[in-house]
Amino acid sequence: MERTIQLLDRAIGILEACEEGPASLGDVVARTGLPRATAHRLAAALEDHGMLRRVDGRWALGPTVARLGAAAASGPPLAVAARPALERLRDATGESVQLYVRRGDERLCVVALESPHSLRTIVPVGAVLPLARGSAGRVLRGAGPAAGGWVESVEEREPGVASVSAPVRDRRPGADGGIAAAVSVSGPVERTSREPGARYGELVQAAARAIERAAGLAM
């Protein structure tokens, strides 16, 4: 038991060593005080479980940490409550749908449902994407729509992909309508067209309102 606890302590120490950004093996050794071989062995095991990933030869926090962090910080109720509305949105549009929350200067995917088409947008749960590009990024920056609106983007983040996003707002008294998340539909331009908002905007807005009600964010 003591050895198990020691291994757990060491693993957590390695994760904390990568908390502020990608760290080389030397950085991990310096920050944890672990022998180099031990640090490498544990980091490789954490990578196998998605807790760490390689970025230009350095160790960084992985998608599993992002997913668990989303569940803890944004709250399972939001992700769980959103799923039925997202399933209806995917079925109505035939395209992939996602729910994003903001994490500092990035956005984190907390729910993702894929289109049934073989050619589709794939964004895994736990994916961390920039706020600067894409309709969901603009929504989460507050640079998008007024209450109830939507934002579209065409080949902004990725060639050949278009998306439409709408804000999920906290409309409870005292919350000032702050943006809790962004719901998004994305797919290849050849299906969504170069004006995806005209095709999917109202459906995405309706899904956002449904999520607000299901998550207890509506008045």
C-alpha atoms as a PDB file:
ATOM      1  CA  MET A   1       0.000   0.000   0.000  1.00  0.00           C
ATOM      2  CA  GLU A   2       2.792   2.437   0.887  1.00  0.00           C
ATOM      3  CA  ARG A   3       4.486   1.760  -2.454  1.00  0.00           C
ATOM      4  CA  THR A   4       1.193   2.416  -4.279  1.00  0.00           C
ATOM      5  CA  ILE A   5       0.755   5.711  -2.477  1.00  0.00           C
ATOM      6  CA  GLN A   6       4.352   6.661  -3.267  1.00  0.00           C
ATOM      7  CA  LEU A   7       3.801   5.963  -6.976  1.00  0.00           C
ATOM      8  CA  LEU A   8       0.615   8.015  -6.905  1.00  0.00           C
ATOM      9  CA  ASP A   9       2.409  10.904  -5.223  1.00  0.00           C
ATOM     10  CA  ARG A  10       5.159  10.779  -7.828  1.00  0.00           C
ATOM     11  CA  ALA A  11       2.683  10.670 -10.717  1.00  0.00           C
ATOM     12  CA  ILE A  12       0.803  13.675  -9.357  1.00  0.00           C
ATOM     13  CA  GLY A  13       4.111  15.473  -8.935  1.00  0.00           C
ATOM     14  CA  ILE A  14       4.887  14.912 -12.616  1.00  0.00           C
ATOM     15  CA  LEU A  15       1.481  16.257 -13.652  1.00  0.00           C
ATOM     16  CA  GLU A  16       2.010  19.327 -11.493  1.00  0.00           C
ATOM     17  CA  ALA A  17       5.439  19.803 -13.061  1.00  0.00           C
ATOM     18  CA  CYS A  18       3.687  20.186 -16.432  1.00  0.00           C
ATOM     19  CA  GLU A  19       0.894  22.396 -15.135  1.00  0.00           C
ATOM     20  CA  GLU A  20       2.267  25.675 -16.471  1.00  0.00           C
ATOM     21  CA  GLY A  21       3.128  24.343 -19.921  1.00  0.00           C
ATOM     22  CA  PRO A  22       5.213  21.731 -21.780  1.00  0.00           C
ATOM     23  CA  ALA A  23       8.222  20.538 -19.790  1.00  0.00           C
ATOM     24  CA  SER A  24      11.291  18.632 -20.902  1.00  0.00           C
ATOM     25  CA  LEU A  25      12.313  15.501 -19.049  1.00  0.00           C
ATOM     26  CA  GLY A  26      15.062  17.559 -17.434  1.00  0.00           C
ATOM     27  CA  ASP A  27      12.473  20.079 -16.247  1.00  0.00           C
ATOM     28  CA  VAL A  28      10.373  17.286 -14.745  1.00  0.00           C
ATOM     29  CA  VAL A  29      13.396  15.832 -12.966  1.00  0.00           C
ATOM     30  CA  ALA A  30      14.369  19.250 -11.593  1.00  0.00           C
ATOM     31  CA  ARG A  31      10.856  20.071 -10.406  1.00  0.00           C
ATOM     32  CA  THR A  32      10.077  16.690  -8.829  1.00  0.00           C
ATOM     33  CA  GLY A  33      13.487  15.532  -7.610  1.00  0.00           C
ATOM     34  CA  LEU A  34      12.852  12.113  -9.141  1.00  0.00           C
ATOM     35  CA  PRO A  35      15.596  10.029 -10.736  1.00  0.00           C
ATOM     36  CA  ARG A  36      15.626  10.530 -14.492  1.00  0.00           C
ATOM     37  CA  ALA A  37      14.722   6.909 -15.275  1.00  0.00           C
ATOM     38  CA  THR A  38      11.823   6.952 -12.809  1.00  0.00           C
ATOM     39  CA  ALA A  39      10.482  10.240 -14.150  1.00  0.00           C
ATOM     40  CA  HIS A  40      10.626   8.942 -17.728  1.00  0.00           C
ATOM     41  CA  ARG A  41       8.936   5.649 -16.836  1.00  0.00           C
ATOM     42  CA  LEU A  42       6.073   7.340 -14.983  1.00  0.00           C
ATOM     43  CA  ALA A  43       5.639  10.034 -17.649  1.00  0.00           C
ATOM     44  CA  ALA A  44       5.394   7.352 -20.340  1.00  0.00           C
ATOM     45  CA  ALA A  45       2.766   5.509 -18.296  1.00  0.00           C
ATOM     46  CA  LEU A  46       0.790   8.736 -17.854  1.00  0.00           C
ATOM     47  CA  GLU A  47       1.000   9.298 -21.606  1.00  0.00           C
ATOM     48  CA  ASP A  48      -0.469   5.827 -22.205  1.00  0.00           C
ATOM     49  CA  HIS A  49      -3.513   6.878 -20.173  1.00  0.00           C
ATOM     50  CA  GLY A  50      -3.872  10.246 -21.901  1.00  0.00           C
ATOM     51  CA  MET A  51      -2.803  12.175 -18.815  1.00  0.00           C
ATOM     52  CA  LEU A  52       0.261  13.514 -20.641  1.00  0.00           C
ATOM     53  CA  ARG A  53       1.071  14.085 -24.317  1.00  0.00           C
ATOM     54  CA  ARG A  54       4.220  14.957 -26.277  1.00  0.00           C
ATOM     55  CA  VAL A  55       4.635  18.459 -27.671  1.00  0.00           C
ATOM     56  CA  ASP A  56       7.856  18.922 -29.642  1.00  0.00           C
ATOM     57  CA  GLY A  57       9.594  16.349 -27.500  1.00  0.00           C
ATOM     58  CA  ARG A  58       8.357  17.812 -24.229  1.00  0.00           C
ATOM     59  CA  TRP A  59       5.656  16.606 -21.862  1.00  0.00           C
ATOM     60  CA  ALA A  60       2.347  18.473 -21.590  1.00  0.00           C
ATOM     61  CA  LEU A  61      -0.953  17.770 -19.885  1.00  0.00           C
ATOM     62  CA  GLY A  62      -3.023  15.414 -21.998  1.00  0.00           C
ATOM     63  CA  PRO A  63      -6.659  15.140 -23.128  1.00  0.00           C
ATOM     64  CA  THR A  64      -7.706  12.964 -20.195  1.00  0.00           C
ATOM     65  CA  VAL A  65      -6.697  15.731 -17.783  1.00  0.00           C
ATOM     66  CA  ALA A  66      -8.672  18.219 -19.890  1.00  0.00           C
ATOM     67  CA  ARG A  67     -11.735  15.982 -19.899  1.00  0.00           C
ATOM     68  CA  LEU A  68     -11.615  15.365 -16.162  1.00  0.00           C
ATOM     69  CA  GLY A  69     -10.970  19.049 -15.530  1.00  0.00           C
ATOM     70  CA  ALA A  70     -13.995  19.965 -17.589  1.00  0.00           C
ATOM     71  CA  ALA A  71     -16.147  17.549 -15.654  1.00  0.00           C
ATOM     72  CA  ALA A  72     -14.926  18.964 -12.343  1.00  0.00           C
ATOM     73  CA  ALA A  73     -14.880  22.662 -13.194  1.00  0.00           C
ATOM     74  CA  SER A  74     -17.741  23.211 -15.591  1.00  0.00           C
ATOM     75  CA  GLY A  75     -19.748  20.621 -13.765  1.00  0.00           C
ATOM     76  CA  PRO A  76     -21.083  17.306 -14.995  1.00  0.00           C
ATOM     77  CA  PRO A  77     -24.632  18.722 -14.875  1.00  0.00           C
ATOM     78  CA  LEU A  78     -23.912  20.972 -17.871  1.00  0.00           C
ATOM     79  CA  ALA A  79     -22.407  18.230 -20.028  1.00  0.00           C
ATOM     80  CA  VAL A  80     -25.023  15.698 -18.989  1.00  0.00           C
ATOM     81  CA  ALA A  81     -27.933  18.118 -19.299  1.00  0.00           C
ATOM     82  CA  ALA A  82     -26.757  19.248 -22.737  1.00  0.00           C
ATOM     83  CA  ARG A  83     -26.558  15.824 -24.318  1.00  0.00           C
ATOM     84  CA  PRO A  84     -30.240  15.289 -25.268  1.00  0.00           C
ATOM     85  CA  ALA A  85     -30.413  18.701 -26.984  1.00  0.00           C
ATOM     86  CA  LEU A  86     -27.125  18.007 -28.772  1.00  0.00           C
ATOM     87  CA  GLU A  87     -28.374  14.624 -29.939  1.00  0.00           C
ATOM     88  CA  ARG A  88     -31.476  16.274 -31.394  1.00  0.00           C
ATOM     89  CA  LEU A  89     -29.304  18.904 -33.065  1.00  0.00           C
ATOM     90  CA  ARG A  90     -27.050  16.282 -34.634  1.00  0.00           C
ATOM     91  CA  ASP A  91     -30.061  14.323 -35.882  1.00  0.00           C
ATOM     92  CA  ALA A  92     -31.744  17.445 -37.275  1.00  0.00           C
ATOM     93  CA  THR A  93     -28.649  18.708 -39.114  1.00  0.00           C
ATOM     94  CA  GLY A  94     -26.893  15.450 -39.933  1.00  0.00           C
ATOM     95  CA  GLU A  95     -23.636  17.142 -38.901  1.00  0.00           C
ATOM     96  CA  SER A  96     -21.254  16.865 -35.959  1.00  0.00           C
ATOM     97  CA  VAL A  97     -22.103  18.912 -32.884  1.00  0.00           C
ATOM     98  CA  GLN A  98     -19.976  20.070 -29.962  1.00  0.00           C
ATOM     99  CA  LEU A  99     -20.278  21.901 -26.656  1.00  0.00           C
ATOM    100  CA  TYR A 100     -17.330  24.109 -25.670  1.00  0.00           C
ATOM    101  CA  VAL A 101     -16.466  25.963 -22.474  1.00  0.00           C
ATOM    102  CA  ARG A 102     -13.841  28.633 -22.075  1.00  0.00           C
ATOM    103  CA  ARG A 103     -10.561  27.897 -20.295  1.00  0.00           C
ATOM    104  CA  GLY A 104      -8.464  31.060 -20.166  1.00  0.00           C
ATOM    105  CA  ASP A 105      -7.411  31.918 -23.714  1.00  0.00           C
ATOM    106  CA  GLU A 106      -8.594  28.588 -25.118  1.00  0.00           C
ATOM    107  CA  ARG A 107     -11.786  26.600 -25.524  1.00  0.00           C
ATOM    108  CA  LEU A 108     -12.318  23.080 -24.306  1.00  0.00           C
ATOM    109  CA  CYS A 109     -14.650  20.543 -25.933  1.00  0.00           C
ATOM    110  CA  VAL A 110     -16.753  18.897 -23.200  1.00  0.00           C
ATOM    111  CA  VAL A 111     -19.310  17.092 -25.387  1.00  0.00           C
ATOM    112  CA  ALA A 112     -18.905  15.913 -28.989  1.00  0.00           C
ATOM    113  CA  LEU A 113     -21.318  13.905 -31.140  1.00  0.00           C
ATOM    114  CA  GLU A 114     -20.206  12.897 -34.619  1.00  0.00           C
ATOM    115  CA  SER A 115     -22.160  13.097 -37.857  1.00  0.00           C
ATOM    116  CA  PRO A 116     -23.247   9.754 -39.350  1.00  0.00           C
ATOM    117  CA  HIS A 117     -21.604  10.738 -42.664  1.00  0.00           C
ATOM    118  CA  SER A 118     -18.243   9.211 -43.510  1.00  0.00           C
ATOM    119  CA  LEU A 119     -16.916  12.694 -44.309  1.00  0.00           C
ATOM    120  CA  ARG A 120     -17.420  14.626 -41.099  1.00  0.00           C
ATOM    121  CA  THR A 121     -15.850  16.924 -38.552  1.00  0.00           C
ATOM    122  CA  ILE A 122     -14.191  15.108 -35.652  1.00  0.00           C
ATOM    123  CA  VAL A 123     -13.426  17.020 -32.452  1.00  0.00           C
ATOM    124  CA  PRO A 124     -12.684  14.686 -29.529  1.00  0.00           C
ATOM    125  CA  VAL A 125     -13.877  15.416 -26.020  1.00  0.00           C
ATOM    126  CA  GLY A 126     -10.979  17.059 -24.210  1.00  0.00           C
ATOM    127  CA  ALA A 127      -9.692  18.831 -27.321  1.00  0.00           C
ATOM    128  CA  VAL A 128      -8.314  22.286 -26.560  1.00  0.00           C
ATOM    129  CA  LEU A 129      -8.711  24.779 -29.404  1.00  0.00           C
ATOM    130  CA  PRO A 130      -7.902  28.482 -29.820  1.00  0.00           C
ATOM    131  CA  LEU A 131     -10.432  31.203 -29.084  1.00  0.00           C
ATOM    132  CA  ALA A 132      -9.081  33.324 -31.912  1.00  0.00           C
ATOM    133  CA  ARG A 133     -10.488  31.180 -34.729  1.00  0.00           C
ATOM    134  CA  GLY A 134     -13.822  29.508 -35.343  1.00  0.00           C
ATOM    135  CA  SER A 135     -17.402  30.453 -34.554  1.00  0.00           C
ATOM    136  CA  ALA A 136     -17.387  28.850 -31.090  1.00  0.00           C
ATOM    137  CA  GLY A 137     -14.241  30.768 -30.183  1.00  0.00           C
ATOM    138  CA  ARG A 138     -15.862  34.072 -31.092  1.00  0.00           C
ATOM    139  CA  VAL A 139     -18.961  33.193 -29.086  1.00  0.00           C
ATOM    140  CA  LEU A 140     -16.914  32.383 -25.984  1.00  0.00           C
ATOM    141  CA  ARG A 141     -14.898  35.590 -26.385  1.00  0.00           C
ATOM    142  CA  GLY A 142     -18.132  37.533 -26.329  1.00  0.00           C
ATOM    143  CA  ALA A 143     -17.347  38.823 -29.817  1.00  0.00           C
ATOM    144  CA  GLY A 144     -20.333  37.106 -31.341  1.00  0.00           C
ATOM    145  CA  PRO A 145     -24.066  37.507 -31.165  1.00  0.00           C
ATOM    146  CA  ALA A 146     -26.392  39.435 -28.991  1.00  0.00           C
ATOM    147  CA  ALA A 147     -28.722  37.392 -26.807  1.00  0.00           C
ATOM    148  CA  GLY A 148     -30.268  34.639 -28.856  1.00  0.00           C
ATOM    149  CA  GLY A 149     -28.069  35.082 -31.924  1.00  0.00           C
ATOM    150  CA  TRP A 150     -25.558  32.894 -33.737  1.00  0.00           C
ATOM    151  CA  VAL A 151     -22.118  33.183 -35.349  1.00  0.00           C
ATOM    152  CA  GLU A 152     -20.851  31.371 -38.442  1.00  0.00           C
ATOM    153  CA  SER A 153     -17.370  30.704 -39.750  1.00  0.00           C
ATOM    154  CA  VAL A 154     -16.214  29.248 -43.061  1.00  0.00           C
ATOM    155  CA  GLU A 155     -12.736  27.705 -43.371  1.00  0.00           C
ATOM    156  CA  GLU A 156     -11.563  29.934 -40.526  1.00  0.00           C
ATOM    157  CA  ARG A 157      -9.947  27.320 -38.306  1.00  0.00           C
ATOM    158  CA  GLU A 158      -9.581  24.476 -40.762  1.00  0.00           C
ATOM    159  CA  PRO A 159      -9.752  24.359 -44.595  1.00  0.00           C
ATOM    160  CA  GLY A 160     -12.949  22.864 -45.942  1.00  0.00           C
ATOM    161  CA  VAL A 161     -14.867  23.164 -42.671  1.00  0.00           C
ATOM    162  CA  ALA A 162     -17.710  25.505 -41.753  1.00  0.00           C
ATOM    163  CA  SER A 163     -19.458  25.938 -38.426  1.00  0.00           C
ATOM    164  CA  VAL A 164     -22.298  27.739 -36.681  1.00  0.00           C
ATOM    165  CA  SER A 165     -22.311  28.426 -32.945  1.00  0.00           C
ATOM    166  CA  ALA A 166     -24.617  30.017 -30.400  1.00  0.00           C
ATOM    167  CA  PRO A 167     -24.080  30.977 -26.764  1.00  0.00           C
ATOM    168  CA  VAL A 168     -25.477  29.051 -23.836  1.00  0.00           C
ATOM    169  CA  ARG A 169     -26.117  31.838 -21.350  1.00  0.00           C
ATOM    170  CA  ASP A 170     -26.692  31.870 -17.624  1.00  0.00           C
ATOM    171  CA  ARG A 171     -29.984  33.750 -17.510  1.00  0.00           C
ATOM    172  CA  ARG A 172     -30.658  33.315 -13.813  1.00  0.00           C
ATOM    173  CA  PRO A 173     -31.243  36.457 -11.749  1.00  0.00           C
ATOM    174  CA  GLY A 174     -27.936  38.127 -10.960  1.00  0.00           C
ATOM    175  CA  ALA A 175     -25.980  36.220 -13.603  1.00  0.00           C
ATOM    176  CA  ASP A 176     -26.228  39.052 -16.184  1.00  0.00           C
ATOM    177  CA  GLY A 177     -26.578  36.614 -19.066  1.00  0.00           C
ATOM    178  CA  GLY A 178     -22.953  35.520 -18.900  1.00  0.00           C
ATOM    179  CA  ILE A 179     -21.827  32.954 -21.466  1.00  0.00           C
ATOM    180  CA  ALA A 180     -21.548  29.507 -19.891  1.00  0.00           C
ATOM    181  CA  ALA A 181     -20.757  27.572 -23.072  1.00  0.00           C
ATOM    182  CA  ALA A 182     -20.990  27.546 -26.851  1.00  0.00           C
ATOM    183  CA  VAL A 183     -22.976  24.971 -28.798  1.00  0.00           C
ATOM    184  CA  SER A 184     -21.702  24.342 -32.309  1.00  0.00           C
ATOM    185  CA  VAL A 185     -22.561  22.514 -35.525  1.00  0.00           C
ATOM    186  CA  SER A 186     -19.650  21.837 -37.866  1.00  0.00           C
ATOM    187  CA  GLY A 187     -19.138  19.976 -41.099  1.00  0.00           C
ATOM    188  CA  PRO A 188     -17.591  20.038 -44.566  1.00  0.00           C
ATOM    189  CA  VAL A 189     -18.345  23.140 -46.630  1.00  0.00           C
ATOM    190  CA  GLU A 190     -19.642  21.019 -49.480  1.00  0.00           C
ATOM    191  CA  ARG A 191     -22.632  20.064 -47.297  1.00  0.00           C
ATOM    192  CA  THR A 192     -22.986  23.003 -44.935  1.00  0.00           C
ATOM    193  CA  SER A 193     -22.476  25.566 -47.765  1.00  0.00           C
ATOM    194  CA  ARG A 194     -20.628  28.845 -47.443  1.00  0.00           C
ATOM    195  CA  GLU A 195     -23.584  30.308 -45.547  1.00  0.00           C
ATOM    196  CA  PRO A 196     -24.078  27.697 -42.826  1.00  0.00           C
ATOM    197  CA  GLY A 197     -25.857  30.153 -40.547  1.00  0.00           C
ATOM    198  CA  ALA A 198     -28.771  30.413 -42.959  1.00  0.00           C
ATOM    199  CA  ARG A 199     -29.119  26.637 -42.847  1.00  0.00           C
ATOM    200  CA  TYR A 200     -28.420  25.827 -39.203  1.00  0.00           C
ATOM    201  CA  GLY A 201     -28.539  29.076 -37.230  1.00  0.00           C
ATOM    202  CA  GLU A 202     -32.067  28.702 -35.884  1.00  0.00           C
ATOM    203  CA  LEU A 203     -31.493  25.051 -34.957  1.00  0.00           C
ATOM    204  CA  VAL A 204     -28.306  25.907 -33.062  1.00  0.00           C
ATOM    205  CA  GLN A 205     -30.061  28.737 -31.224  1.00  0.00           C
ATOM    206  CA  ALA A 206     -32.913  26.420 -30.269  1.00  0.00           C
ATOM    207  CA  ALA A 207     -30.425  23.850 -28.955  1.00  0.00           C
ATOM    208  CA  ALA A 208     -28.710  26.522 -26.859  1.00  0.00           C
ATOM    209  CA  ARG A 209     -32.032  27.553 -25.315  1.00  0.00           C
ATOM    210  CA  ALA A 210     -32.891  23.903 -24.624  1.00  0.00           C
ATOM    211  CA  ILE A 211     -29.552  23.405 -22.878  1.00  0.00           C
ATOM    212  CA  GLU A 212     -30.156  26.478 -20.725  1.00  0.00           C
ATOM    213  CA  ARG A 213     -33.489  25.079 -19.601  1.00  0.00           C
ATOM    214  CA  ALA A 214     -32.149  21.576 -19.015  1.00  0.00           C
ATOM    215  CA  ALA A 215     -29.143  22.852 -17.026  1.00  0.00           C
ATOM    216  CA  GLY A 216     -31.252  25.221 -14.891  1.00  0.00           C
ATOM    217  CA  LEU A 217     -29.688  28.324 -16.421  1.00  0.00           C
ATOM    218  CA  ALA A 218     -32.936  29.800 -17.718  1.00  0.00           C
ATOM    219  CA  MET A 219     -35.102  32.164 -15.725  1.00  0.00           C
END
